[in-house]
PDB file of N, CA and C in Angstrom:
ATOM      1  N   MET A   1      14.322  -1.142  30.939  1.00  0.00           N
ATOM      2  CA  MET A   1      15.319  -0.091  30.899  1.00  0.00           C
ATOM      3  C   MET A   1      16.287  -0.357  29.741  1.00  0.00           C
ATOM      4  N   ILE A   2      16.719   0.685  29.090  1.00  0.00           N
ATOM      5  CA  ILE A   2      17.612   0.578  27.947  1.00  0.00           C
ATOM      6  C   ILE A   2      19.053   0.561  28.446  1.00  0.00           C
ATOM      7  N   SER A   3      19.868  -0.336  27.857  1.00  0.00           N
ATOM      8  CA  SER A   3      21.280  -0.394  28.249  1.00  0.00           C
ATOM      9  C   SER A   3      22.005   0.865  27.768  1.00  0.00           C
ATOM     10  N   TYR A   4      23.141   1.127  28.374  1.00  0.00           N
ATOM     11  CA  TYR A   4      23.933   2.298  27.986  1.00  0.00           C
ATOM     12  C   TYR A   4      24.400   2.182  26.538  1.00  0.00           C
ATOM     13  N   LYS A   5      24.793   0.975  26.135  1.00  0.00           N
ATOM     14  CA  LYS A   5      25.269   0.761  24.768  1.00  0.00           C
ATOM     15  C   LYS A   5      24.144   1.040  23.766  1.00  0.00           C
ATOM     16  N   ARG A   6      22.969   0.496  24.025  1.00  0.00           N
ATOM     17  CA  ARG A   6      21.820   0.723  23.138  1.00  0.00           C
ATOM     18  C   ARG A   6      21.441   2.205  23.134  1.00  0.00           C
ATOM     19  N   SER A   7      21.480   2.830  24.292  1.00  0.00           N
ATOM     20  CA  SER A   7      21.181   4.262  24.384  1.00  0.00           C
ATOM     21  C   SER A   7      22.164   5.082  23.552  1.00  0.00           C
ATOM     22  N   PHE A   8      23.427   4.707  23.589  1.00  0.00           N
ATOM     23  CA  PHE A   8      24.440   5.425  22.812  1.00  0.00           C
ATOM     24  C   PHE A   8      24.174   5.283  21.320  1.00  0.00           C
ATOM     25  N   PHE A   9      23.812   4.069  20.869  1.00  0.00           N
ATOM     26  CA  PHE A   9      23.516   3.876  19.451  1.00  0.00           C
ATOM     27  C   PHE A   9      22.255   4.634  19.038  1.00  0.00           C
ATOM     28  N   ILE A  10      21.281   4.693  19.920  1.00  0.00           N
ATOM     29  CA  ILE A  10      20.085   5.490  19.634  1.00  0.00           C
ATOM     30  C   ILE A  10      20.462   6.962  19.538  1.00  0.00           C
ATOM     31  N   PHE A  11      21.353   7.419  20.424  1.00  0.00           N
ATOM     32  CA  PHE A  11      21.829   8.804  20.363  1.00  0.00           C
ATOM     33  C   PHE A  11      22.528   9.094  19.036  1.00  0.00           C
ATOM     34  N   LEU A  12      23.410   8.197  18.590  1.00  0.00           N
ATOM     35  CA  LEU A  12      24.109   8.402  17.319  1.00  0.00           C
ATOM     36  C   LEU A  12      23.128   8.467  16.147  1.00  0.00           C
ATOM     37  N   MET A  13      22.149   7.576  16.147  1.00  0.00           N
ATOM     38  CA  MET A  13      21.135   7.592  15.106  1.00  0.00           C
ATOM     39  C   MET A  13      20.357   8.902  15.158  1.00  0.00           C
ATOM     40  N   ALA A  14      20.014   9.334  16.347  1.00  0.00           N
ATOM     41  CA  ALA A  14      19.257  10.577  16.513  1.00  0.00           C
ATOM     42  C   ALA A  14      20.060  11.781  16.045  1.00  0.00           C
ATOM     43  N   PHE A  15      21.367  11.762  16.263  1.00  0.00           N
ATOM     44  CA  PHE A  15      22.213  12.846  15.771  1.00  0.00           C
ATOM     45  C   PHE A  15      22.131  12.932  14.251  1.00  0.00           C
ATOM     46  N   GLY A  16      22.218  11.788  13.594  1.00  0.00           N
ATOM     47  CA  GLY A  16      22.104  11.759  12.139  1.00  0.00           C
ATOM     48  C   GLY A  16      20.738  12.226  11.660  1.00  0.00           C
ATOM     49  N   VAL A  17      19.700  11.826  12.355  1.00  0.00           N
ATOM     50  CA  VAL A  17      18.346  12.256  12.008  1.00  0.00           C
ATOM     51  C   VAL A  17      18.195  13.758  12.229  1.00  0.00           C
ATOM     52  N   GLY A  18      18.740  14.271  13.325  1.00  0.00           N
ATOM     53  CA  GLY A  18      18.680  15.712  13.577  1.00  0.00           C
ATOM     54  C   GLY A  18      19.415  16.500  12.512  1.00  0.00           C
ATOM     55  N   LEU A  19      20.556  15.983  12.085  1.00  0.00           N
ATOM     56  CA  LEU A  19      21.306  16.614  11.011  1.00  0.00           C
ATOM     57  C   LEU A  19      20.468  16.644   9.730  1.00  0.00           C
ATOM     58  N   ALA A  20      19.862  15.526   9.388  1.00  0.00           N
ATOM     59  CA  ALA A  20      19.014  15.467   8.190  1.00  0.00           C
ATOM     60  C   ALA A  20      17.806  16.375   8.323  1.00  0.00           C
ATOM     61  N   SER A  21      17.247  16.445   9.507  1.00  0.00           N
ATOM     62  CA  SER A  21      16.083  17.294   9.732  1.00  0.00           C
ATOM     63  C   SER A  21      16.418  18.761   9.514  1.00  0.00           C
ATOM     64  N   GLY A  22      17.532  19.194  10.062  1.00  0.00           N
ATOM     65  CA  GLY A  22      17.941  20.578   9.882  1.00  0.00           C
ATOM     66  C   GLY A  22      18.336  20.891   8.452  1.00  0.00           C
ATOM     67  N   LEU A  23      18.934  19.923   7.778  1.00  0.00           N
ATOM     68  CA  LEU A  23      19.417  20.125   6.421  1.00  0.00           C
ATOM     69  C   LEU A  23      18.303  20.027   5.383  1.00  0.00           C
ATOM     70  N   PHE A  24      17.420  19.038   5.529  1.00  0.00           N
ATOM     71  CA  PHE A  24      16.407  18.763   4.514  1.00  0.00           C
ATOM     72  C   PHE A  24      14.981  19.113   4.929  1.00  0.00           C
ATOM     73  N   GLY A  25      14.762  19.390   6.210  1.00  0.00           N
ATOM     74  CA  GLY A  25      13.412  19.691   6.671  1.00  0.00           C
ATOM     75  C   GLY A  25      12.569  18.455   6.916  1.00  0.00           C
ATOM     76  N   VAL A  26      13.199  17.283   6.956  1.00  0.00           N
ATOM     77  CA  VAL A  26      12.495  16.033   7.238  1.00  0.00           C
ATOM     78  C   VAL A  26      13.286  15.261   8.277  1.00  0.00           C
ATOM     79  N   GLY A  27      12.676  14.339   8.920  1.00  0.00           N
ATOM     80  CA  GLY A  27      13.430  13.579   9.910  1.00  0.00           C
ATOM     81  C   GLY A  27      12.616  12.501  10.580  1.00  0.00           C
ATOM     82  N   GLY A  28      11.621  12.909  11.379  1.00  0.00           N
ATOM     83  CA  GLY A  28      10.873  11.952  12.185  1.00  0.00           C
ATOM     84  C   GLY A  28      10.239  10.828  11.392  1.00  0.00           C
ATOM     85  N   GLY A  29       9.349  11.174  10.503  1.00  0.00           N
ATOM     86  CA  GLY A  29       8.639  10.149   9.750  1.00  0.00           C
ATOM     87  C   GLY A  29       9.470   9.485   8.681  1.00  0.00           C
ATOM     88  N   VAL A  30      10.417  10.207   8.127  1.00  0.00           N
ATOM     89  CA  VAL A  30      11.172   9.691   7.001  1.00  0.00           C
ATOM     90  C   VAL A  30      12.377   8.875   7.450  1.00  0.00           C
ATOM     91  N   PHE A  31      13.076   9.327   8.460  1.00  0.00           N
ATOM     92  CA  PHE A  31      14.293   8.650   8.899  1.00  0.00           C
ATOM     93  C   PHE A  31      14.150   7.971  10.255  1.00  0.00           C
ATOM     94  N   LEU A  32      13.688   8.697  11.240  1.00  0.00           N
ATOM     95  CA  LEU A  32      13.695   8.190  12.608  1.00  0.00           C
ATOM     96  C   LEU A  32      12.744   7.012  12.808  1.00  0.00           C
ATOM     97  N   VAL A  33      11.518   7.137  12.346  1.00  0.00           N
ATOM     98  CA  VAL A  33      10.549   6.054  12.562  1.00  0.00           C
ATOM     99  C   VAL A  33      11.018   4.748  11.925  1.00  0.00           C
ATOM    100  N   PRO A  34      11.398   4.732  10.626  1.00  0.00           N
ATOM    101  CA  PRO A  34      11.875   3.457  10.063  1.00  0.00           C
ATOM    102  C   PRO A  34      13.100   2.894  10.787  1.00  0.00           C
ATOM    103  N   MET A  35      14.008   3.770  11.216  1.00  0.00           N
ATOM    104  CA  MET A  35      15.192   3.267  11.917  1.00  0.00           C
ATOM    105  C   MET A  35      14.826   2.671  13.277  1.00  0.00           C
ATOM    106  N   LEU A  36      13.903   3.307  13.987  1.00  0.00           N
ATOM    107  CA  LEU A  36      13.476   2.743  15.271  1.00  0.00           C
ATOM    108  C   LEU A  36      12.827   1.374  15.085  1.00  0.00           C
ATOM    109  N   VAL A  37      12.071   1.219  13.994  1.00  0.00           N
ATOM    110  CA  VAL A  37      11.391  -0.057  13.733  1.00  0.00           C
ATOM    111  C   VAL A  37      12.384  -1.112  13.258  1.00  0.00           C
ATOM    112  N   VAL A  38      13.149  -0.786  12.216  1.00  0.00           N
ATOM    113  CA  VAL A  38      14.008  -1.777  11.573  1.00  0.00           C
ATOM    114  C   VAL A  38      15.274  -2.056  12.382  1.00  0.00           C
ATOM    115  N   VAL A  39      15.948  -1.012  12.841  1.00  0.00           N
ATOM    116  CA  VAL A  39      17.235  -1.194  13.521  1.00  0.00           C
ATOM    117  C   VAL A  39      17.061  -1.552  14.991  1.00  0.00           C
ATOM    118  N   PHE A  40      16.109  -0.896  15.652  1.00  0.00           N
ATOM    119  CA  PHE A  40      15.986  -1.079  17.098  1.00  0.00           C
ATOM    120  C   PHE A  40      14.795  -1.936  17.518  1.00  0.00           C
ATOM    121  N   GLY A  41      13.996  -2.416  16.557  1.00  0.00           N
ATOM    122  CA  GLY A  41      12.925  -3.355  16.861  1.00  0.00           C
ATOM    123  C   GLY A  41      11.706  -2.779  17.549  1.00  0.00           C
ATOM    124  N   TYR A  42      11.494  -1.474  17.446  1.00  0.00           N
ATOM    125  CA  TYR A  42      10.310  -0.861  18.050  1.00  0.00           C
ATOM    126  C   TYR A  42       9.059  -1.267  17.281  1.00  0.00           C
ATOM    127  N   ASP A  43       7.952  -1.363  17.962  1.00  0.00           N
ATOM    128  CA  ASP A  43       6.646  -1.504  17.333  1.00  0.00           C
ATOM    129  C   ASP A  43       6.362  -0.206  16.568  1.00  0.00           C
ATOM    130  N   GLN A  44       5.645  -0.281  15.450  1.00  0.00           N
ATOM    131  CA  GLN A  44       5.391   0.899  14.616  1.00  0.00           C
ATOM    132  C   GLN A  44       4.734   2.031  15.397  1.00  0.00           C
ATOM    133  N   HIS A  45       3.727   1.707  16.205  1.00  0.00           N
ATOM    134  CA  HIS A  45       3.041   2.745  16.981  1.00  0.00           C
ATOM    135  C   HIS A  45       3.991   3.412  17.980  1.00  0.00           C
ATOM    136  N   THR A  46       4.783   2.604  18.657  1.00  0.00           N
ATOM    137  CA  THR A  46       5.724   3.138  19.642  1.00  0.00           C
ATOM    138  C   THR A  46       6.797   3.988  18.962  1.00  0.00           C
ATOM    139  N   ALA A  47       7.253   3.562  17.802  1.00  0.00           N
ATOM    140  CA  ALA A  47       8.249   4.340  17.063  1.00  0.00           C
ATOM    141  C   ALA A  47       7.680   5.705  16.679  1.00  0.00           C
ATOM    142  N   GLN A  48       6.449   5.735  16.228  1.00  0.00           N
ATOM    143  CA  GLN A  48       5.846   7.006  15.835  1.00  0.00           C
ATOM    144  C   GLN A  48       5.643   7.921  17.030  1.00  0.00           C
ATOM    145  N   GLY A  49       5.173   7.373  18.139  1.00  0.00           N
ATOM    146  CA  GLY A  49       5.002   8.186  19.345  1.00  0.00           C
ATOM    147  C   GLY A  49       6.332   8.690  19.881  1.00  0.00           C
ATOM    148  N   THR A  50       7.348   7.823  19.864  1.00  0.00           N
ATOM    149  CA  THR A  50       8.679   8.214  20.325  1.00  0.00           C
ATOM    150  C   THR A  50       9.252   9.295  19.422  1.00  0.00           C
ATOM    151  N   SER A  51       9.058   9.147  18.128  1.00  0.00           N
ATOM    152  CA  SER A  51       9.543  10.140  17.174  1.00  0.00           C
ATOM    153  C   SER A  51       8.912  11.501  17.430  1.00  0.00           C
ATOM    154  N   LEU A  52       7.625  11.522  17.688  1.00  0.00           N
ATOM    155  CA  LEU A  52       6.947  12.795  17.918  1.00  0.00           C
ATOM    156  C   LEU A  52       7.469  13.505  19.159  1.00  0.00           C
ATOM    157  N   VAL A  53       7.634  12.770  20.256  1.00  0.00           N
ATOM    158  CA  VAL A  53       8.113  13.416  21.478  1.00  0.00           C
ATOM    159  C   VAL A  53       9.572  13.862  21.313  1.00  0.00           C
ATOM    160  N   ALA A  54      10.329  13.119  20.508  1.00  0.00           N
ATOM    161  CA  ALA A  54      11.740  13.464  20.320  1.00  0.00           C
ATOM    162  C   ALA A  54      11.947  14.585  19.314  1.00  0.00           C
ATOM    163  N   MET A  55      11.099  14.673  18.312  1.00  0.00           N
ATOM    164  CA  MET A  55      11.339  15.603  17.209  1.00  0.00           C
ATOM    165  C   MET A  55      10.595  16.925  17.338  1.00  0.00           C
ATOM    166  N   VAL A  56       9.353  16.886  17.698  1.00  0.00           N
ATOM    167  CA  VAL A  56       8.534  18.095  17.610  1.00  0.00           C
ATOM    168  C   VAL A  56       9.032  19.221  18.518  1.00  0.00           C
ATOM    169  N   PRO A  57       9.147  19.001  19.828  1.00  0.00           N
ATOM    170  CA  PRO A  57       9.569  20.148  20.655  1.00  0.00           C
ATOM    171  C   PRO A  57      10.972  20.669  20.340  1.00  0.00           C
ATOM    172  N   PRO A  58      12.024  19.830  20.397  1.00  0.00           N
ATOM    173  CA  PRO A  58      13.351  20.431  20.209  1.00  0.00           C
ATOM    174  C   PRO A  58      13.657  20.815  18.766  1.00  0.00           C
ATOM    175  N   THR A  59      13.442  19.914  17.839  1.00  0.00           N
ATOM    176  CA  THR A  59      13.805  20.173  16.452  1.00  0.00           C
ATOM    177  C   THR A  59      12.899  21.222  15.839  1.00  0.00           C
ATOM    178  N   GLY A  60      11.610  21.065  16.053  1.00  0.00           N
ATOM    179  CA  GLY A  60      10.672  22.018  15.468  1.00  0.00           C
ATOM    180  C   GLY A  60      10.942  23.434  15.936  1.00  0.00           C
ATOM    181  N   LEU A  61      11.110  23.614  17.221  1.00  0.00           N
ATOM    182  CA  LEU A  61      11.322  24.957  17.761  1.00  0.00           C
ATOM    183  C   LEU A  61      12.664  25.542  17.320  1.00  0.00           C
ATOM    184  N   LEU A  62      13.731  24.771  17.456  1.00  0.00           N
ATOM    185  CA  LEU A  62      15.054  25.291  17.103  1.00  0.00           C
ATOM    186  C   LEU A  62      15.174  25.567  15.604  1.00  0.00           C
ATOM    187  N   ALA A  63      14.667  24.662  14.781  1.00  0.00           N
ATOM    188  CA  ALA A  63      14.718  24.893  13.341  1.00  0.00           C
ATOM    189  C   ALA A  63      13.877  26.106  12.971  1.00  0.00           C
ATOM    190  N   PHE A  64      12.689  26.226  13.573  1.00  0.00           N
ATOM    191  CA  PHE A  64      11.843  27.390  13.313  1.00  0.00           C
ATOM    192  C   PHE A  64      12.558  28.684  13.675  1.00  0.00           C
ATOM    193  N   LEU A  65      13.203  28.730  14.837  1.00  0.00           N
ATOM    194  CA  LEU A  65      13.902  29.944  15.256  1.00  0.00           C
ATOM    195  C   LEU A  65      15.019  30.315  14.279  1.00  0.00           C
ATOM    196  N   ASN A  66      15.750  29.320  13.785  1.00  0.00           N
ATOM    197  CA  ASN A  66      16.809  29.590  12.816  1.00  0.00           C
ATOM    198  C   ASN A  66      16.239  30.110  11.498  1.00  0.00           C
ATOM    199  N   TYR A  67      15.169  29.486  11.009  1.00  0.00           N
ATOM    200  CA  TYR A  67      14.561  29.943   9.755  1.00  0.00           C
ATOM    201  C   TYR A  67      13.939  31.333   9.924  1.00  0.00           C
ATOM    202  N   ALA A  68      13.319  31.581  11.066  1.00  0.00           N
ATOM    203  CA  ALA A  68      12.727  32.904  11.312  1.00  0.00           C
ATOM    204  C   ALA A  68      13.809  33.978  11.364  1.00  0.00           C
ATOM    205  N   ALA A  69      14.918  33.683  12.024  1.00  0.00           N
ATOM    206  CA  ALA A  69      16.016  34.648  12.110  1.00  0.00           C
ATOM    207  C   ALA A  69      16.596  34.958  10.729  1.00  0.00           C
ATOM    208  N   ALA A  70      16.539  33.987   9.826  1.00  0.00           N
ATOM    209  CA  ALA A  70      17.050  34.184   8.464  1.00  0.00           C
ATOM    210  C   ALA A  70      15.999  34.815   7.557  1.00  0.00           C
ATOM    211  N   GLY A  71      14.812  35.090   8.093  1.00  0.00           N
ATOM    212  CA  GLY A  71      13.748  35.691   7.288  1.00  0.00           C
ATOM    213  C   GLY A  71      13.109  34.717   6.312  1.00  0.00           C
ATOM    214  N   GLU A  72      13.188  33.435   6.600  1.00  0.00           N
ATOM    215  CA  GLU A  72      12.679  32.400   5.703  1.00  0.00           C
ATOM    216  C   GLU A  72      11.381  31.774   6.203  1.00  0.00           C
ATOM    217  N   VAL A  73      10.494  32.581   6.765  1.00  0.00           N
ATOM    218  CA  VAL A  73       9.196  32.094   7.225  1.00  0.00           C
ATOM    219  C   VAL A  73       8.104  32.918   6.565  1.00  0.00           C
ATOM    220  N   ASN A  74       7.174  32.254   5.909  1.00  0.00           N
ATOM    221  CA  ASN A  74       5.985  32.912   5.379  1.00  0.00           C
ATOM    222  C   ASN A  74       4.932  32.809   6.481  1.00  0.00           C
ATOM    223  N   TRP A  75       4.778  33.871   7.249  1.00  0.00           N
ATOM    224  CA  TRP A  75       3.916  33.852   8.429  1.00  0.00           C
ATOM    225  C   TRP A  75       2.464  33.606   8.073  1.00  0.00           C
ATOM    226  N   THR A  76       1.969  34.209   7.012  1.00  0.00           N
ATOM    227  CA  THR A  76       0.568  34.028   6.634  1.00  0.00           C
ATOM    228  C   THR A  76       0.285  32.572   6.305  1.00  0.00           C
ATOM    229  N   ALA A  77       1.118  31.988   5.445  1.00  0.00           N
ATOM    230  CA  ALA A  77       0.922  30.580   5.094  1.00  0.00           C
ATOM    231  C   ALA A  77       1.057  29.692   6.331  1.00  0.00           C
ATOM    232  N   GLY A  78       2.069  29.975   7.158  1.00  0.00           N
ATOM    233  CA  GLY A  78       2.279  29.170   8.360  1.00  0.00           C
ATOM    234  C   GLY A  78       1.091  29.200   9.298  1.00  0.00           C
ATOM    235  N   LEU A  79       0.495  30.372   9.471  1.00  0.00           N
ATOM    236  CA  LEU A  79      -0.668  30.476  10.365  1.00  0.00           C
ATOM    237  C   LEU A  79      -1.895  29.789   9.779  1.00  0.00           C
ATOM    238  N   TRP A  80      -2.000  29.730   8.461  1.00  0.00           N
ATOM    239  CA  TRP A  80      -3.104  28.988   7.840  1.00  0.00           C
ATOM    240  C   TRP A  80      -2.852  27.480   7.887  1.00  0.00           C
ATOM    241  N   ILE A  81      -1.605  27.080   7.805  1.00  0.00           N
ATOM    242  CA  ILE A  81      -1.259  25.660   7.854  1.00  0.00           C
ATOM    243  C   ILE A  81      -1.461  25.094   9.259  1.00  0.00           C
ATOM    244  N   MET A  82      -1.168  25.894  10.269  1.00  0.00           N
ATOM    245  CA  MET A  82      -1.174  25.430  11.665  1.00  0.00           C
ATOM    246  C   MET A  82      -2.463  24.715  12.083  1.00  0.00           C
ATOM    247  N   PRO A  83      -3.658  25.292  11.890  1.00  0.00           N
ATOM    248  CA  PRO A  83      -4.850  24.563  12.339  1.00  0.00           C
ATOM    249  C   PRO A  83      -5.102  23.289  11.543  1.00  0.00           C
ATOM    250  N   GLY A  84      -4.742  23.294  10.262  1.00  0.00           N
ATOM    251  CA  GLY A  84      -4.898  22.072   9.471  1.00  0.00           C
ATOM    252  C   GLY A  84      -4.016  20.957   9.977  1.00  0.00           C
ATOM    253  N   VAL A  85      -2.783  21.296  10.292  1.00  0.00           N
ATOM    254  CA  VAL A  85      -1.852  20.305  10.831  1.00  0.00           C
ATOM    255  C   VAL A  85      -2.331  19.821  12.202  1.00  0.00           C
ATOM    256  N   PHE A  86      -2.811  20.739  13.009  1.00  0.00           N
ATOM    257  CA  PHE A  86      -3.284  20.393  14.356  1.00  0.00           C
ATOM    258  C   PHE A  86      -4.426  19.376  14.295  1.00  0.00           C
ATOM    259  N   PHE A  87      -5.479  19.715  13.547  1.00  0.00           N
ATOM    260  CA  PHE A  87      -6.636  18.814  13.468  1.00  0.00           C
ATOM    261  C   PHE A  87      -6.320  17.561  12.661  1.00  0.00           C
ATOM    262  N   GLY A  88      -5.480  17.707  11.629  1.00  0.00           N
ATOM    263  CA  GLY A  88      -5.076  16.542  10.852  1.00  0.00           C
ATOM    264  C   GLY A  88      -4.274  15.557  11.686  1.00  0.00           C
ATOM    265  N   ALA A  89      -3.383  16.066  12.537  1.00  0.00           N
ATOM    266  CA  ALA A  89      -2.580  15.192  13.397  1.00  0.00           C
ATOM    267  C   ALA A  89      -3.457  14.469  14.418  1.00  0.00           C
ATOM    268  N   MET A  90      -4.466  15.161  14.933  1.00  0.00           N
ATOM    269  CA  MET A  90      -5.384  14.494  15.868  1.00  0.00           C
ATOM    270  C   MET A  90      -6.115  13.355  15.161  1.00  0.00           C
ATOM    271  N   ALA A  91      -6.637  13.626  13.970  1.00  0.00           N
ATOM    272  CA  ALA A  91      -7.369  12.598  13.226  1.00  0.00           C
ATOM    273  C   ALA A  91      -6.430  11.469  12.797  1.00  0.00           C
ATOM    274  N   GLY A  92      -5.228  11.824  12.329  1.00  0.00           N
ATOM    275  CA  GLY A  92      -4.277  10.814  11.876  1.00  0.00           C
ATOM    276  C   GLY A  92      -3.806   9.899  12.987  1.00  0.00           C
ATOM    277  N   SER A  93      -3.570  10.460  14.163  1.00  0.00           N
ATOM    278  CA  SER A  93      -3.111   9.617  15.276  1.00  0.00           C
ATOM    279  C   SER A  93      -4.218   8.686  15.747  1.00  0.00           C
ATOM    280  N   ARG A  94      -5.452   9.144  15.698  1.00  0.00           N
ATOM    281  CA  ARG A  94      -6.582   8.263  16.058  1.00  0.00           C
ATOM    282  C   ARG A  94      -6.718   7.133  15.043  1.00  0.00           C
ATOM    283  N   LEU A  95      -6.574   7.465  13.761  1.00  0.00           N
ATOM    284  CA  LEU A  95      -6.643   6.447  12.720  1.00  0.00           C
ATOM    285  C   LEU A  95      -5.488   5.464  12.857  1.00  0.00           C
ATOM    286  N   ALA A  96      -4.296   5.967  13.110  1.00  0.00           N
ATOM    287  CA  ALA A  96      -3.122   5.103  13.262  1.00  0.00           C
ATOM    288  C   ALA A  96      -3.316   4.109  14.394  1.00  0.00           C
ATOM    289  N   ASN A  97      -3.913   4.540  15.485  1.00  0.00           N
ATOM    290  CA  ASN A  97      -4.126   3.640  16.616  1.00  0.00           C
ATOM    291  C   ASN A  97      -5.183   2.579  16.338  1.00  0.00           C
ATOM    292  N   ARG A  98      -5.977   2.771  15.307  1.00  0.00           N
ATOM    293  CA  ARG A  98      -6.964   1.749  14.910  1.00  0.00           C
ATOM    294  C   ARG A  98      -6.358   0.689  14.010  1.00  0.00           C
ATOM    295  N   LEU A  99      -5.228   0.996  13.378  1.00  0.00           N
ATOM    296  CA  LEU A  99      -4.563   0.045  12.489  1.00  0.00           C
ATOM    297  C   LEU A  99      -3.655  -0.877  13.294  1.00  0.00           C
ATOM    298  N   SER A 100      -3.438  -2.074  12.778  1.00  0.00           N
ATOM    299  CA  SER A 100      -2.471  -2.969  13.404  1.00  0.00           C
ATOM    300  C   SER A 100      -1.075  -2.402  13.177  1.00  0.00           C
ATOM    301  N   ALA A 101      -0.129  -2.847  13.970  1.00  0.00           N
ATOM    302  CA  ALA A 101       1.256  -2.378  13.809  1.00  0.00           C
ATOM    303  C   ALA A 101       1.759  -2.712  12.415  1.00  0.00           C
ATOM    304  N   GLU A 102       1.463  -3.919  11.935  1.00  0.00           N
ATOM    305  CA  GLU A 102       1.910  -4.327  10.600  1.00  0.00           C
ATOM    306  C   GLU A 102       1.224  -3.505   9.505  1.00  0.00           C
ATOM    307  N   GLY A 103      -0.062  -3.256   9.652  1.00  0.00           N
ATOM    308  CA  GLY A 103      -0.780  -2.444   8.672  1.00  0.00           C
ATOM    309  C   GLY A 103      -0.248  -1.022   8.630  1.00  0.00           C
ATOM    310  N   LEU A 104       0.004  -0.462   9.785  1.00  0.00           N
ATOM    311  CA  LEU A 104       0.536   0.891   9.862  1.00  0.00           C
ATOM    312  C   LEU A 104       1.939   0.946   9.257  1.00  0.00           C
ATOM    313  N   ARG A 105       2.729  -0.060   9.515  1.00  0.00           N
ATOM    314  CA  ARG A 105       4.084  -0.115   8.945  1.00  0.00           C
ATOM    315  C   ARG A 105       4.023  -0.155   7.423  1.00  0.00           C
ATOM    316  N   ARG A 106       3.086  -0.894   6.879  1.00  0.00           N
ATOM    317  CA  ARG A 106       2.927  -0.960   5.423  1.00  0.00           C
ATOM    318  C   ARG A 106       2.520   0.392   4.853  1.00  0.00           C
ATOM    319  N   VAL A 107       1.598   1.065   5.519  1.00  0.00           N
ATOM    320  CA  VAL A 107       1.167   2.387   5.057  1.00  0.00           C
ATOM    321  C   VAL A 107       2.345   3.356   5.051  1.00  0.00           C
ATOM    322  N   VAL A 108       3.139   3.346   6.108  1.00  0.00           N
ATOM    323  CA  VAL A 108       4.305   4.225   6.199  1.00  0.00           C
ATOM    324  C   VAL A 108       5.297   3.890   5.085  1.00  0.00           C
ATOM    325  N   ALA A 109       5.539   2.606   4.850  1.00  0.00           N
ATOM    326  CA  ALA A 109       6.489   2.191   3.812  1.00  0.00           C
ATOM    327  C   ALA A 109       6.032   2.673   2.432  1.00  0.00           C
ATOM    328  N   VAL A 110       4.770   2.520   2.125  1.00  0.00           N
ATOM    329  CA  VAL A 110       4.244   2.960   0.835  1.00  0.00           C
ATOM    330  C   VAL A 110       4.363   4.478   0.710  1.00  0.00           C
ATOM    331  N   LEU A 111       4.035   5.186   1.764  1.00  0.00           N
ATOM    332  CA  LEU A 111       4.111   6.650   1.731  1.00  0.00           C
ATOM    333  C   LEU A 111       5.547   7.132   1.527  1.00  0.00           C
ATOM    334  N   VAL A 112       6.489   6.587   2.272  1.00  0.00           N
ATOM    335  CA  VAL A 112       7.887   6.997   2.141  1.00  0.00           C
ATOM    336  C   VAL A 112       8.403   6.650   0.740  1.00  0.00           C
ATOM    337  N   PHE A 113       8.032   5.495   0.223  1.00  0.00           N
ATOM    338  CA  PHE A 113       8.443   5.101  -1.128  1.00  0.00           C
ATOM    339  C   PHE A 113       7.864   6.061  -2.164  1.00  0.00           C
ATOM    340  N   ALA A 114       6.594   6.412  -2.023  1.00  0.00           N
ATOM    341  CA  ALA A 114       5.955   7.344  -2.960  1.00  0.00           C
ATOM    342  C   ALA A 114       6.615   8.720  -2.922  1.00  0.00           C
ATOM    343  N   ILE A 115       6.955   9.190  -1.735  1.00  0.00           N
ATOM    344  CA  ILE A 115       7.640  10.477  -1.617  1.00  0.00           C
ATOM    345  C   ILE A 115       9.006  10.408  -2.301  1.00  0.00           C
ATOM    346  N   GLY A 116       9.698   9.298  -2.137  1.00  0.00           N
ATOM    347  CA  GLY A 116      10.990   9.117  -2.798  1.00  0.00           C
ATOM    348  C   GLY A 116      10.852   9.160  -4.314  1.00  0.00           C
ATOM    349  N   LEU A 117       9.858   8.471  -4.846  1.00  0.00           N
ATOM    350  CA  LEU A 117       9.623   8.506  -6.295  1.00  0.00           C
ATOM    351  C   LEU A 117       9.304   9.916  -6.772  1.00  0.00           C
ATOM    352  N   TRP A 118       8.508  10.629  -6.006  1.00  0.00           N
ATOM    353  CA  TRP A 118       8.143  11.990  -6.354  1.00  0.00           C
ATOM    354  C   TRP A 118       9.391  12.872  -6.388  1.00  0.00           C
ATOM    355  N   GLU A 119      10.238  12.756  -5.400  1.00  0.00           N
ATOM    356  CA  GLU A 119      11.467  13.542  -5.359  1.00  0.00           C
ATOM    357  C   GLU A 119      12.377  13.202  -6.536  1.00  0.00           C
ATOM    358  N   VAL A 120      12.536  11.925  -6.847  1.00  0.00           N
ATOM    359  CA  VAL A 120      13.379  11.516  -7.975  1.00  0.00           C
ATOM    360  C   VAL A 120      12.809  12.074  -9.280  1.00  0.00           C
ATOM    361  N   SER A 121      11.498  11.991  -9.456  1.00  0.00           N
ATOM    362  CA  SER A 121      10.901  12.502 -10.698  1.00  0.00           C
ATOM    363  C   SER A 121      11.067  14.015 -10.802  1.00  0.00           C
ATOM    364  N   ALA A 122      11.023  14.734  -9.677  1.00  0.00           N
ATOM    365  CA  ALA A 122      11.222  16.181  -9.697  1.00  0.00           C
ATOM    366  C   ALA A 122      12.654  16.521 -10.106  1.00  0.00           C
ATOM    367  N   VAL A 123      13.625  15.746  -9.635  1.00  0.00           N
ATOM    368  CA  VAL A 123      15.022  15.984  -9.991  1.00  0.00           C
ATOM    369  C   VAL A 123      15.240  15.690 -11.476  1.00  0.00           C
ATOM    370  N   LEU A 124      14.649  14.618 -11.960  1.00  0.00           N
ATOM    371  CA  LEU A 124      14.829  14.238 -13.360  1.00  0.00           C
ATOM    372  C   LEU A 124      14.170  15.199 -14.336  1.00  0.00           C
ATOM    373  N   ARG A 125      13.109  15.886 -13.891  1.00  0.00           N
ATOM    374  CA  ARG A 125      12.427  16.851 -14.755  1.00  0.00           C
ATOM    375  C   ARG A 125      13.246  18.111 -14.962  1.00  0.00           C
ATOM    376  N   LYS A 126      14.153  18.413 -14.085  1.00  0.00           N
ATOM    377  CA  LYS A 126      14.921  19.666 -14.184  1.00  0.00           C
ATOM    378  C   LYS A 126      16.094  19.554 -15.078  1.00  0.00           C
TER     379      LYS A 126
END
């Protein structure tokens, strides 16, 4: 069982992640998973599973409703993306469970670092 103090700190971290998710469109994999691993000592697999249950239903639905209300949804693209994400997530989660926690953590670190470099290079090109 998690102590009240630890639960409160997890809540504060989650608030910051939710804010970033709504503002930037990212959160679970980029912010929440590394924080659960590094700050709270979660195993990589558990952090990813916890992130999914915490982020997908509430954040995904609420953010989608806000973007839809603002007319910022490309329905055709979204409907084409949906099955790819669905089957890709099934395959990715199966692959992730075959990797060791340390191996999976390394893959996540490399991916997040690469995305950061890509974003920096995009800003510098403008």
